[in-house]
């Protein structure tokens, strides 16, 4: 099962070192999601990440970065819902209903379905699906290897995600809660937690 990490919405000092360490530790795919930030910050971050890892990065904004930095692909969302003209390559998308999943799976390499569990990073974002509803959707082939679980993903529910039949899990709050850029210098606890999640996903 794929394990995808989504960046924090804000940039922070030494972020490139942590992201590179995550790739070194076996991170499959990174989603660079920094809403409402100037592209120059994304460019700066990407230049600091080793070239060999850039092909595992998907951008949520500033789609021109995909070709400029030889990235994996682009991610469609409510801010950027359209594929650029003449675009070729990986496409993923955010979905919040099973209907959206069915529609977007036809044109995407994979889609995020959220929130599968109560969100850790967004207060008040509660699970939108029941375990019964998820199992039913899996039985109908709606949830399959092209659908990535997002929202409240942590080590307690990783095996359930696998059992439900998702093709992967996207982690955000559960991982980044292990590091406070304002006060922490040691990101080893974050790396150790990532490795635990990776083992469960594999």
Foldseek 3Di string as FASTA:
>chain_A
DAEEEEEDLDDFPPPLVVVLVLVVLPHQAYEDHHPPDDCVVVVVSLVSHDLVCQQRYEYADPQVVCVVSVYQYYEAEPVRNDDDPPDDGAYEYEDADLVVLVVCVVPHQAYEYDDCAAAQVDPPGGHPDDLVRLLVCVVVVSAALRYEHEGPDALVCLLVCVVSHHNYYYDYNRLCVQDDSVPDDDSVVSSVRSSSSVVSND
